[in-house]
């Protein structure tokens, strides 16, 4: 088997730079928004936004186009919010088989791009992490996600938005959604970490306050790209991690928080959870099969 990741070329060096620049744009935030790395700033913003919206609550609620009936059952909004406040994550969301199939089919037939490159490709064109021309790709962002009705239904689900409203204490004013392939390959994880920042522990800075809902569209086990996070780290960070880069090596994370606070989140297709992405988290590179995940960020 030809292992294309071994090719040392100017293209791959450029690709590393593009991925890092894109990652820092996506989770590094604008200059003033970087203050949201401080828990007190996020809380203060929530208080201010709550007061602003209390002057015209109907306006802020109606602009979200909330669905009449939730697709989720058996979920306690109160318990989910308490879990997020405590350890940073709440479980229990589950998509129906039909919705998973609709999203999966949409992702399979819709071209995607790798950040930093203009070339469009279908997920099925990637073999062992490489396109036919030999370029290595680590992920593919599916285009035109808003054209998928199932995703739009999830975004505006009444129960999910109740969780968002209770956690943020205000109705979200910005919603972004990403449907992302992470491609399995034989590249050693140590090599992937050098050029693909999301595979390293990091916390997001994506607005003044925010939370994210995640849904696995493919089955995820330990070898197929699980989401990994550190409990309690959304509120507790040492000063050096707040003032330095929002990316940290595993050793630094485990030395401070203890490895026992790491959660490796696996689940069957349709499995969902909500998280405060101010916590330290990462994706474990998939080895056995491609990962497809839906991320909806509310801020």
Foldseek 3Di string as FASTA:
>chain_A
DDALVPDDDPVVVLLLVQQVVVVCPAFVDDDVLLVLLAVVLLVVVLVVQLVVCVVPVVVLLVVLVADPAAQFPPDDLVVQLVQCVAWFKGFDFFHDPVLLVLLVVLLQPFWWDAGPDDDTDGPVQADQQAHPVSDGGFKTWGPPPVVRVSVSNVSRYPSVQSSVCVNSVGRFPDKDKTKMKGFAHPDDQVVCVSRNVQQFWFFGRHGNFKKKKKFWSAFFDPQAKFKKFFTPQLNDDDPVCSVDHRTDHPVVVCVPRNPVRMDGDGGHGRTMMMGRRSTIIHINHHHPGMTIMMMMMTD
